[in-house]
PDB file of all heavy atoms in Angstrom:
ATOM      1  N   ARG A   1     -34.324  -9.137  41.531  1.00  0.00           N
ATOM      2  CA  ARG A   1     -35.597  -9.593  42.084  1.00  0.00           C
ATOM      3  C   ARG A   1     -35.465  -9.784  43.586  1.00  0.00           C
ATOM      4  O   ARG A   1     -34.447 -10.272  44.075  1.00  0.00           O
ATOM      5  CB  ARG A   1     -36.007 -10.925  41.427  1.00  0.00           C
ATOM      6  CG  ARG A   1     -37.375 -11.433  41.846  1.00  0.00           C
ATOM      7  CD  ARG A   1     -37.670 -12.791  41.219  1.00  0.00           C
ATOM      8  NE  ARG A   1     -36.775 -13.831  41.739  1.00  0.00           N
ATOM      9  CZ  ARG A   1     -36.933 -15.133  41.481  1.00  0.00           C
ATOM     10  NH1 ARG A   1     -37.925 -15.537  40.706  1.00  0.00           N
ATOM     11  NH2 ARG A   1     -36.091 -16.011  41.981  1.00  0.00           N
ATOM     12  N   ASN A   2     -36.476  -9.391  44.331  1.00  0.00           N
ATOM     13  CA  ASN A   2     -36.440  -9.543  45.779  1.00  0.00           C
ATOM     14  C   ASN A   2     -36.226 -11.007  46.153  1.00  0.00           C
ATOM     15  O   ASN A   2     -36.909 -11.893  45.647  1.00  0.00           O
ATOM     16  CB  ASN A   2     -37.751  -9.046  46.406  1.00  0.00           C
ATOM     17  CG  ASN A   2     -37.855  -7.534  46.385  1.00  0.00           C
ATOM     18  OD1 ASN A   2     -36.837  -6.851  46.362  1.00  0.00           O
ATOM     19  ND2 ASN A   2     -39.066  -7.004  46.369  1.00  0.00           N
ATOM     20  N   GLY A   3     -35.287 -11.233  47.037  1.00  0.00           N
ATOM     21  CA  GLY A   3     -34.997 -12.586  47.492  1.00  0.00           C
ATOM     22  C   GLY A   3     -33.736 -13.156  46.885  1.00  0.00           C
ATOM     23  O   GLY A   3     -33.054 -13.983  47.509  1.00  0.00           O
ATOM     24  N   ASP A   4     -33.383 -12.706  45.680  1.00  0.00           N
ATOM     25  CA  ASP A   4     -32.177 -13.224  45.042  1.00  0.00           C
ATOM     26  C   ASP A   4     -30.907 -12.622  45.637  1.00  0.00           C
ATOM     27  O   ASP A   4     -29.810 -13.133  45.396  1.00  0.00           O
ATOM     28  CB  ASP A   4     -32.217 -12.954  43.535  1.00  0.00           C
ATOM     29  CG  ASP A   4     -33.252 -13.816  42.832  1.00  0.00           C
ATOM     30  OD1 ASP A   4     -33.467 -14.955  43.284  1.00  0.00           O
ATOM     31  OD2 ASP A   4     -33.846 -13.353  41.847  1.00  0.00           O
ATOM     32  N   ASP A   5     -31.059 -11.553  46.404  1.00  0.00           N
ATOM     33  CA  ASP A   5     -29.887 -11.004  47.070  1.00  0.00           C
ATOM     34  C   ASP A   5     -29.302 -12.015  48.054  1.00  0.00           C
ATOM     35  O   ASP A   5     -28.086 -12.036  48.293  1.00  0.00           O
ATOM     36  CB  ASP A   5     -30.224  -9.687  47.778  1.00  0.00           C
ATOM     37  CG  ASP A   5     -31.437  -9.818  48.692  1.00  0.00           C
ATOM     38  OD1 ASP A   5     -32.331 -10.609  48.369  1.00  0.00           O
ATOM     39  OD2 ASP A   5     -31.476  -9.111  49.709  1.00  0.00           O
ATOM     40  N   ALA A   6     -30.151 -12.878  48.609  1.00  0.00           N
ATOM     41  CA  ALA A   6     -29.664 -13.904  49.532  1.00  0.00           C
ATOM     42  C   ALA A   6     -28.748 -14.889  48.813  1.00  0.00           C
ATOM     43  O   ALA A   6     -27.772 -15.396  49.397  1.00  0.00           O
ATOM     44  CB  ALA A   6     -30.836 -14.647  50.168  1.00  0.00           C
ATOM     45  N   VAL A   7     -29.048 -15.157  47.551  1.00  0.00           N
ATOM     46  CA  VAL A   7     -28.208 -16.049  46.750  1.00  0.00           C
ATOM     47  C   VAL A   7     -26.831 -15.425  46.557  1.00  0.00           C
ATOM     48  O   VAL A   7     -25.798 -16.091  46.697  1.00  0.00           O
ATOM     49  CB  VAL A   7     -28.853 -16.328  45.375  1.00  0.00           C
ATOM     50  CG1 VAL A   7     -27.923 -17.164  44.493  1.00  0.00           C
ATOM     51  CG2 VAL A   7     -30.187 -17.033  45.553  1.00  0.00           C
ATOM     52  N   LEU A   8     -26.813 -14.142  46.268  1.00  0.00           N
ATOM     53  CA  LEU A   8     -25.548 -13.437  46.064  1.00  0.00           C
ATOM     54  C   LEU A   8     -24.770 -13.319  47.377  1.00  0.00           C
ATOM     55  O   LEU A   8     -23.542 -13.484  47.402  1.00  0.00           O
ATOM     56  CB  LEU A   8     -25.814 -12.058  45.469  1.00  0.00           C
ATOM     57  CG  LEU A   8     -26.472 -12.062  44.081  1.00  0.00           C
ATOM     58  CD1 LEU A   8     -26.923 -10.659  43.691  1.00  0.00           C
ATOM     59  CD2 LEU A   8     -25.513 -12.620  43.041  1.00  0.00           C
ATOM     60  N   LEU A   9     -25.480 -13.045  48.448  1.00  0.00           N
ATOM     61  CA  LEU A   9     -24.812 -12.927  49.750  1.00  0.00           C
ATOM     62  C   LEU A   9     -24.185 -14.250  50.172  1.00  0.00           C
ATOM     63  O   LEU A   9     -23.157 -14.268  50.853  1.00  0.00           O
ATOM     64  CB  LEU A   9     -25.809 -12.466  50.815  1.00  0.00           C
ATOM     65  CG  LEU A   9     -26.182 -10.985  50.794  1.00  0.00           C
ATOM     66  CD1 LEU A   9     -27.360 -10.727  51.716  1.00  0.00           C
ATOM     67  CD2 LEU A   9     -24.996 -10.123  51.191  1.00  0.00           C
ATOM     68  N   SER A  10     -24.795 -15.354  49.768  1.00  0.00           N
ATOM     69  CA  SER A  10     -24.268 -16.659  50.170  1.00  0.00           C
ATOM     70  C   SER A  10     -22.909 -16.942  49.558  1.00  0.00           C
ATOM     71  O   SER A  10     -22.202 -17.867  49.984  1.00  0.00           O
ATOM     72  CB  SER A  10     -25.249 -17.768  49.772  1.00  0.00           C
ATOM     73  OG  SER A  10     -25.301 -17.920  48.368  1.00  0.00           O
ATOM     74  N   LEU A  11     -22.536 -16.152  48.555  1.00  0.00           N
ATOM     75  CA  LEU A  11     -21.227 -16.326  47.924  1.00  0.00           C
ATOM     76  C   LEU A  11     -20.122 -15.611  48.687  1.00  0.00           C
ATOM     77  O   LEU A  11     -18.940 -15.841  48.427  1.00  0.00           O
ATOM     78  CB  LEU A  11     -21.270 -15.789  46.485  1.00  0.00           C
ATOM     79  CG  LEU A  11     -22.271 -16.452  45.541  1.00  0.00           C
ATOM     80  CD1 LEU A  11     -22.315 -15.697  44.222  1.00  0.00           C
ATOM     81  CD2 LEU A  11     -21.914 -17.907  45.307  1.00  0.00           C
ATOM     82  N   LEU A  12     -20.516 -14.754  49.629  1.00  0.00           N
ATOM     83  CA  LEU A  12     -19.532 -13.966  50.366  1.00  0.00           C
ATOM     84  C   LEU A  12     -19.064 -14.715  51.607  1.00  0.00           C
ATOM     85  O   LEU A  12     -19.886 -15.127  52.427  1.00  0.00           O
ATOM     86  CB  LEU A  12     -20.124 -12.613  50.778  1.00  0.00           C
ATOM     87  CG  LEU A  12     -20.781 -11.785  49.661  1.00  0.00           C
ATOM     88  CD1 LEU A  12     -21.222 -10.450  50.230  1.00  0.00           C
ATOM     89  CD2 LEU A  12     -19.831 -11.601  48.490  1.00  0.00           C
ATOM     90  N   PRO A  13     -17.787 -14.881  51.774  1.00  0.00           N
ATOM     91  CA  PRO A  13     -17.262 -15.584  52.958  1.00  0.00           C
ATOM     92  C   PRO A  13     -17.732 -14.979  54.270  1.00  0.00           C
ATOM     93  O   PRO A  13     -18.059 -15.689  55.212  1.00  0.00           O
ATOM     94  CB  PRO A  13     -15.746 -15.447  52.790  1.00  0.00           C
ATOM     95  CG  PRO A  13     -15.550 -15.299  51.319  1.00  0.00           C
ATOM     96  CD  PRO A  13     -16.725 -14.505  50.849  1.00  0.00           C
ATOM     97  N   SER A  14     -17.828 -13.649  54.335  1.00  0.00           N
ATOM     98  CA  SER A  14     -18.215 -12.995  55.590  1.00  0.00           C
ATOM     99  C   SER A  14     -19.645 -13.340  55.979  1.00  0.00           C
ATOM    100  O   SER A  14     -19.994 -13.390  57.151  1.00  0.00           O
ATOM    101  CB  SER A  14     -18.075 -11.479  55.452  1.00  0.00           C
ATOM    102  OG  SER A  14     -18.890 -10.996  54.405  1.00  0.00           O
ATOM    103  N   PHE A  15     -20.494 -13.583  54.993  1.00  0.00           N
ATOM    104  CA  PHE A  15     -21.892 -13.919  55.268  1.00  0.00           C
ATOM    105  C   PHE A  15     -21.991 -15.330  55.844  1.00  0.00           C
ATOM    106  O   PHE A  15     -22.731 -15.589  56.786  1.00  0.00           O
ATOM    107  CB  PHE A  15     -22.704 -13.837  53.977  1.00  0.00           C
ATOM    108  CG  PHE A  15     -24.147 -14.244  54.130  1.00  0.00           C
ATOM    109  CD1 PHE A  15     -25.060 -13.386  54.728  1.00  0.00           C
ATOM    110  CD2 PHE A  15     -24.580 -15.475  53.688  1.00  0.00           C
ATOM    111  CE1 PHE A  15     -26.387 -13.752  54.866  1.00  0.00           C
ATOM    112  CE2 PHE A  15     -25.904 -15.851  53.827  1.00  0.00           C
ATOM    113  CZ  PHE A  15     -26.808 -14.983  54.416  1.00  0.00           C
ATOM    114  N   ALA A  16     -21.236 -16.244  55.296  1.00  0.00           N
ATOM    115  CA  ALA A  16     -21.343 -17.648  55.705  1.00  0.00           C
ATOM    116  C   ALA A  16     -20.666 -17.933  57.045  1.00  0.00           C
ATOM    117  O   ALA A  16     -20.914 -18.967  57.643  1.00  0.00           O
ATOM    118  CB  ALA A  16     -20.736 -18.549  54.640  1.00  0.00           C
ATOM    119  N   LYS A  17     -19.838 -17.024  57.525  1.00  0.00           N
ATOM    120  CA  LYS A  17     -19.172 -17.262  58.800  1.00  0.00           C
ATOM    121  C   LYS A  17     -20.166 -17.367  59.946  1.00  0.00           C
ATOM    122  O   LYS A  17     -19.863 -17.921  60.996  1.00  0.00           O
ATOM    123  CB  LYS A  17     -18.168 -16.135  59.078  1.00  0.00           C
ATOM    124  CG  LYS A  17     -16.908 -16.245  58.220  1.00  0.00           C
ATOM    125  CD  LYS A  17     -15.953 -15.098  58.482  1.00  0.00           C
ATOM    126  CE  LYS A  17     -14.718 -15.213  57.587  1.00  0.00           C
ATOM    127  NZ  LYS A  17     -13.785 -14.081  57.774  1.00  0.00           N
ATOM    128  N   LYS A  18     -21.373 -16.814  59.723  1.00  0.00           N
ATOM    129  CA  LYS A  18     -22.389 -16.907  60.767  1.00  0.00           C
ATOM    130  C   LYS A  18     -23.032 -18.289  60.783  1.00  0.00           C
ATOM    131  O   LYS A  18     -23.701 -18.661  61.722  1.00  0.00           O
ATOM    132  CB  LYS A  18     -23.470 -15.845  60.535  1.00  0.00           C
ATOM    133  CG  LYS A  18     -22.941 -14.420  60.647  1.00  0.00           C
ATOM    134  CD  LYS A  18     -24.063 -13.434  60.417  1.00  0.00           C
ATOM    135  CE  LYS A  18     -23.558 -12.007  60.537  1.00  0.00           C
ATOM    136  NZ  LYS A  18     -24.631 -11.020  60.319  1.00  0.00           N
ATOM    137  N   GLY A  19     -22.851 -19.016  59.677  1.00  0.00           N
ATOM    138  CA  GLY A  19     -23.429 -20.344  59.574  1.00  0.00           C
ATOM    139  C   GLY A  19     -22.423 -21.384  60.009  1.00  0.00           C
ATOM    140  O   GLY A  19     -21.484 -21.113  60.749  1.00  0.00           O
ATOM    141  N   ALA A  20     -22.635 -22.588  59.524  1.00  0.00           N
ATOM    142  CA  ALA A  20     -21.723 -23.660  59.899  1.00  0.00           C
ATOM    143  C   ALA A  20     -21.813 -24.759  58.857  1.00  0.00           C
ATOM    144  O   ALA A  20     -22.687 -24.764  57.990  1.00  0.00           O
ATOM    145  CB  ALA A  20     -22.105 -24.211  61.277  1.00  0.00           C
ATOM    146  N   GLY A  21     -20.886 -25.664  58.947  1.00  0.00           N
ATOM    147  CA  GLY A  21     -20.928 -26.851  58.107  1.00  0.00           C
ATOM    148  C   GLY A  21     -20.704 -26.556  56.641  1.00  0.00           C
ATOM    149  O   GLY A  21     -19.881 -25.723  56.262  1.00  0.00           O
ATOM    150  N   LYS A  22     -21.480 -27.246  55.783  1.00  0.00           N
ATOM    151  CA  LYS A  22     -21.268 -27.186  54.349  1.00  0.00           C
ATOM    152  C   LYS A  22     -21.479 -25.788  53.788  1.00  0.00           C
ATOM    153  O   LYS A  22     -20.810 -25.372  52.848  1.00  0.00           O
ATOM    154  CB  LYS A  22     -22.191 -28.181  53.650  1.00  0.00           C
ATOM    155  CG  LYS A  22     -21.867 -29.639  53.955  1.00  0.00           C
ATOM    156  CD  LYS A  22     -22.773 -30.565  53.172  1.00  0.00           C
ATOM    157  CE  LYS A  22     -22.420 -32.032  53.445  1.00  0.00           C
ATOM    158  NZ  LYS A  22     -23.307 -32.954  52.691  1.00  0.00           N
ATOM    159  N   GLU A  23     -22.436 -25.041  54.338  1.00  0.00           N
ATOM    160  CA  GLU A  23     -22.698 -23.692  53.826  1.00  0.00           C
ATOM    161  C   GLU A  23     -21.469 -22.810  54.004  1.00  0.00           C
ATOM    162  O   GLU A  23     -21.067 -22.076  53.106  1.00  0.00           O
ATOM    163  CB  GLU A  23     -23.892 -23.079  54.548  1.00  0.00           C
ATOM    164  CG  GLU A  23     -24.232 -21.681  54.026  1.00  0.00           C
ATOM    165  CD  GLU A  23     -25.372 -21.043  54.791  1.00  0.00           C
ATOM    166  OE1 GLU A  23     -25.965 -21.720  55.650  1.00  0.00           O
ATOM    167  OE2 GLU A  23     -25.651 -19.868  54.521  1.00  0.00           O
ATOM    168  N   LYS A  24     -20.841 -22.897  55.156  1.00  0.00           N
ATOM    169  CA  LYS A  24     -19.654 -22.093  55.420  1.00  0.00           C
ATOM    170  C   LYS A  24     -18.500 -22.526  54.527  1.00  0.00           C
ATOM    171  O   LYS A  24     -17.790 -21.703  53.958  1.00  0.00           O
ATOM    172  CB  LYS A  24     -19.244 -22.225  56.891  1.00  0.00           C
ATOM    173  CG  LYS A  24     -17.988 -21.427  57.261  1.00  0.00           C
ATOM    174  CD  LYS A  24     -17.673 -21.587  58.719  1.00  0.00           C
ATOM    175  CE  LYS A  24     -16.458 -20.730  59.097  1.00  0.00           C
ATOM    176  NZ  LYS A  24     -15.258 -21.099  58.316  1.00  0.00           N
ATOM    177  N   GLU A  25     -18.335 -23.822  54.369  1.00  0.00           N
ATOM    178  CA  GLU A  25     -17.248 -24.329  53.545  1.00  0.00           C
ATOM    179  C   GLU A  25     -17.417 -23.906  52.087  1.00  0.00           C
ATOM    180  O   GLU A  25     -16.452 -23.567  51.410  1.00  0.00           O
ATOM    181  CB  GLU A  25     -17.195 -25.859  53.632  1.00  0.00           C
ATOM    182  CG  GLU A  25     -16.786 -26.376  55.010  1.00  0.00           C
ATOM    183  CD  GLU A  25     -16.874 -27.888  55.082  1.00  0.00           C
ATOM    184  OE1 GLU A  25     -17.165 -28.505  54.037  1.00  0.00           O
ATOM    185  OE2 GLU A  25     -16.649 -28.454  56.157  1.00  0.00           O
ATOM    186  N   ALA A  26     -18.669 -23.932  51.596  1.00  0.00           N
ATOM    187  CA  ALA A  26     -18.933 -23.561  50.207  1.00  0.00           C
ATOM    188  C   ALA A  26     -18.573 -22.109  49.950  1.00  0.00           C
ATOM    189  O   ALA A  26     -17.937 -21.774  48.955  1.00  0.00           O
ATOM    190  CB  ALA A  26     -20.394 -23.815  49.869  1.00  0.00           C
ATOM    191  N   ALA A  27     -18.994 -21.214  50.847  1.00  0.00           N
ATOM    192  CA  ALA A  27     -18.709 -19.797  50.664  1.00  0.00           C
ATOM    193  C   ALA A  27     -17.226 -19.504  50.814  1.00  0.00           C
ATOM    194  O   ALA A  27     -16.668 -18.683  50.099  1.00  0.00           O
ATOM    195  CB  ALA A  27     -19.512 -18.970  51.665  1.00  0.00           C
ATOM    196  N   ASP A  28     -16.574 -20.166  51.752  1.00  0.00           N
ATOM    197  CA  ASP A  28     -15.147 -19.937  51.952  1.00  0.00           C
ATOM    198  C   ASP A  28     -14.325 -20.373  50.748  1.00  0.00           C
ATOM    199  O   ASP A  28     -13.218 -19.894  50.545  1.00  0.00           O
ATOM    200  CB  ASP A  28     -14.664 -20.685  53.202  1.00  0.00           C
ATOM    201  CG  ASP A  28     -15.127 -19.992  54.477  1.00  0.00           C
ATOM    202  OD1 ASP A  28     -15.545 -18.824  54.398  1.00  0.00           O
ATOM    203  OD2 ASP A  28     -15.083 -20.622  55.548  1.00  0.00           O
ATOM    204  N   SER A  29     -14.868 -21.294  49.955  1.00  0.00           N
ATOM    205  CA  SER A  29     -14.148 -21.780  48.783  1.00  0.00           C
ATOM    206  C   SER A  29     -14.602 -21.109  47.492  1.00  0.00           C
ATOM    207  O   SER A  29     -14.189 -21.500  46.409  1.00  0.00           O
ATOM    208  CB  SER A  29     -14.328 -23.307  48.648  1.00  0.00           C
ATOM    209  OG  SER A  29     -15.696 -23.634  48.464  1.00  0.00           O
ATOM    210  N   THR A  30     -15.452 -20.099  47.595  1.00  0.00           N
ATOM    211  CA  THR A  30     -15.936 -19.390  46.407  1.00  0.00           C
ATOM    212  C   THR A  30     -14.776 -18.675  45.725  1.00  0.00           C
ATOM    213  O   THR A  30     -14.027 -17.941  46.383  1.00  0.00           O
ATOM    214  CB  THR A  30     -17.010 -18.352  46.787  1.00  0.00           C
ATOM    215  OG1 THR A  30     -18.096 -19.013  47.426  1.00  0.00           O
ATOM    216  CG2 THR A  30     -17.516 -17.644  45.538  1.00  0.00           C
ATOM    217  N   PRO A  31     -14.596 -18.873  44.415  1.00  0.00           N
ATOM    218  CA  PRO A  31     -13.505 -18.200  43.696  1.00  0.00           C
ATOM    219  C   PRO A  31     -13.605 -16.679  43.839  1.00  0.00           C
ATOM    220  O   PRO A  31     -14.704 -16.129  43.820  1.00  0.00           O
ATOM    221  CB  PRO A  31     -13.731 -18.630  42.237  1.00  0.00           C
ATOM    222  CG  PRO A  31     -14.480 -19.923  42.338  1.00  0.00           C
ATOM    223  CD  PRO A  31     -15.372 -19.772  43.542  1.00  0.00           C
ATOM    224  N   PRO A  32     -12.488 -16.011  43.993  1.00  0.00           N
ATOM    225  CA  PRO A  32     -12.492 -14.552  44.153  1.00  0.00           C
ATOM    226  C   PRO A  32     -13.231 -13.825  43.035  1.00  0.00           C
ATOM    227  O   PRO A  32     -13.894 -12.815  43.276  1.00  0.00           O
ATOM    228  CB  PRO A  32     -11.001 -14.191  44.159  1.00  0.00           C
ATOM    229  CG  PRO A  32     -10.323 -15.434  44.645  1.00  0.00           C
ATOM    230  CD  PRO A  32     -11.119 -16.572  44.105  1.00  0.00           C
ATOM    231  N   GLU A  33     -13.119 -14.339  41.798  1.00  0.00           N
ATOM    232  CA  GLU A  33     -13.807 -13.683  40.676  1.00  0.00           C
ATOM    233  C   GLU A  33     -15.318 -13.690  40.877  1.00  0.00           C
ATOM    234  O   GLU A  33     -16.004 -12.726  40.527  1.00  0.00           O
ATOM    235  CB  GLU A  33     -13.468 -14.395  39.356  1.00  0.00           C
ATOM    236  CG  GLU A  33     -11.986 -14.431  39.016  1.00  0.00           C
ATOM    237  CD  GLU A  33     -11.310 -15.705  39.514  1.00  0.00           C
ATOM    238  OE1 GLU A  33     -11.779 -16.271  40.529  1.00  0.00           O
ATOM    239  OE2 GLU A  33     -10.327 -16.113  38.891  1.00  0.00           O
ATOM    240  N   LEU A  34     -15.830 -14.773  41.445  1.00  0.00           N
ATOM    241  CA  LEU A  34     -17.268 -14.881  41.672  1.00  0.00           C
ATOM    242  C   LEU A  34     -17.699 -13.994  42.831  1.00  0.00           C
ATOM    243  O   LEU A  34     -18.783 -13.390  42.799  1.00  0.00           O
ATOM    244  CB  LEU A  34     -17.646 -16.338  41.941  1.00  0.00           C
ATOM    245  CG  LEU A  34     -19.141 -16.665  42.037  1.00  0.00           C
ATOM    246  CD1 LEU A  34     -19.899 -16.154  40.824  1.00  0.00           C
ATOM    247  CD2 LEU A  34     -19.340 -18.164  42.200  1.00  0.00           C
ATOM    248  N   VAL A  35     -16.868 -13.906  43.852  1.00  0.00           N
ATOM    249  CA  VAL A  35     -17.161 -13.025  44.985  1.00  0.00           C
ATOM    250  C   VAL A  35     -17.216 -11.572  44.506  1.00  0.00           C
ATOM    251  O   VAL A  35     -18.126 -10.816  44.874  1.00  0.00           O
ATOM    252  CB  VAL A  35     -16.093 -13.176  46.086  1.00  0.00           C
ATOM    253  CG1 VAL A  35     -16.327 -12.141  47.198  1.00  0.00           C
ATOM    254  CG2 VAL A  35     -16.115 -14.577  46.669  1.00  0.00           C
ATOM    255  N   GLU A  36     -16.266 -11.191  43.654  1.00  0.00           N
ATOM    256  CA  GLU A  36     -16.232  -9.818  43.148  1.00  0.00           C
ATOM    257  C   GLU A  36     -17.487  -9.512  42.321  1.00  0.00           C
ATOM    258  O   GLU A  36     -18.084  -8.438  42.450  1.00  0.00           O
ATOM    259  CB  GLU A  36     -14.994  -9.615  42.274  1.00  0.00           C
ATOM    260  CG  GLU A  36     -14.878  -8.196  41.717  1.00  0.00           C
ATOM    261  CD  GLU A  36     -13.640  -8.006  40.863  1.00  0.00           C
ATOM    262  OE1 GLU A  36     -12.819  -8.944  40.758  1.00  0.00           O
ATOM    263  OE2 GLU A  36     -13.504  -6.915  40.285  1.00  0.00           O
ATOM    264  N   THR A  37     -17.906 -10.461  41.497  1.00  0.00           N
ATOM    265  CA  THR A  37     -19.116 -10.269  40.696  1.00  0.00           C
ATOM    266  C   THR A  37     -20.344 -10.141  41.582  1.00  0.00           C
ATOM    267  O   THR A  37     -21.237  -9.322  41.324  1.00  0.00           O
ATOM    268  CB  THR A  37     -19.300 -11.442  39.707  1.00  0.00           C
ATOM    269  OG1 THR A  37     -18.160 -11.526  38.852  1.00  0.00           O
ATOM    270  CG2 THR A  37     -20.556 -11.241  38.863  1.00  0.00           C
ATOM    271  N   ALA A  38     -20.412 -10.963  42.625  1.00  0.00           N
ATOM    272  CA  ALA A  38     -21.536 -10.902  43.556  1.00  0.00           C
ATOM    273  C   ALA A  38     -21.607  -9.526  44.220  1.00  0.00           C
ATOM    274  O   ALA A  38     -22.696  -8.959  44.396  1.00  0.00           O
ATOM    275  CB  ALA A  38     -21.418 -12.000  44.609  1.00  0.00           C
TER     276      ALA A  38
END
């Protein structure tokens, strides 16, 4: 569905590096299995 790609992108460490704070920390700590699925 349009818009849900942002949810999946938020799981990628490279995407969150542009952000800061909690959002970046959350993505950087995403388990590799979840990143691969995303």
